[in-house]
Amino acid sequence: MSSKQAIVNVIYPKEAASNFDMEYYIKTHMPLVEKIWGPLGLKSWTVGTLDPESGFHVQAFLVWDSFEAFEKAPTDEIFGDVKNFTNATPVKWVGHLHGHSTLSS
C-alpha cells in the first residue's frame, strides 16, 4: 500500500438548469459517505461553497488512508444518492496529500 494519503476533490458544476440541495447533502449524503467509506479508509471530509462566479455550486474535499483504499471502496450506493441533492454531474480530481496543518486559535 502507498504510504501517502489520497485526496479526492469533488466539485459540482453550476449550469443553467442545475440545482443543489445543501441541507440534504450535509444532513443525509455526507453521513452516508461516512457510514460506507469511513470503515474502508476515509479519514476526513470538508464541504464548502464556492464563489458564485466560479461556475460551481459546492466542493467536497475527502482525505483517504491511501489511494488504494479509495480505489477499492464501493461507489454504487453513494453515487446513486447524487440524484437526491443535485442534477449536476460531479467532477472528481484525485491525488496524494503531501502536507497538512490545522492551526489552533
Foldseek 3Di string as FASTA:
>chain_A
DDQFKKKKKKWFFADPPKFFDVVCCVVPLVVVCCVQLVVLFWDDKDKDADDPVPRTGIMMMIIGSHPVSVVPGDCVVNVVCVVVTMPTDMDMDMDTDDDDDDDDD
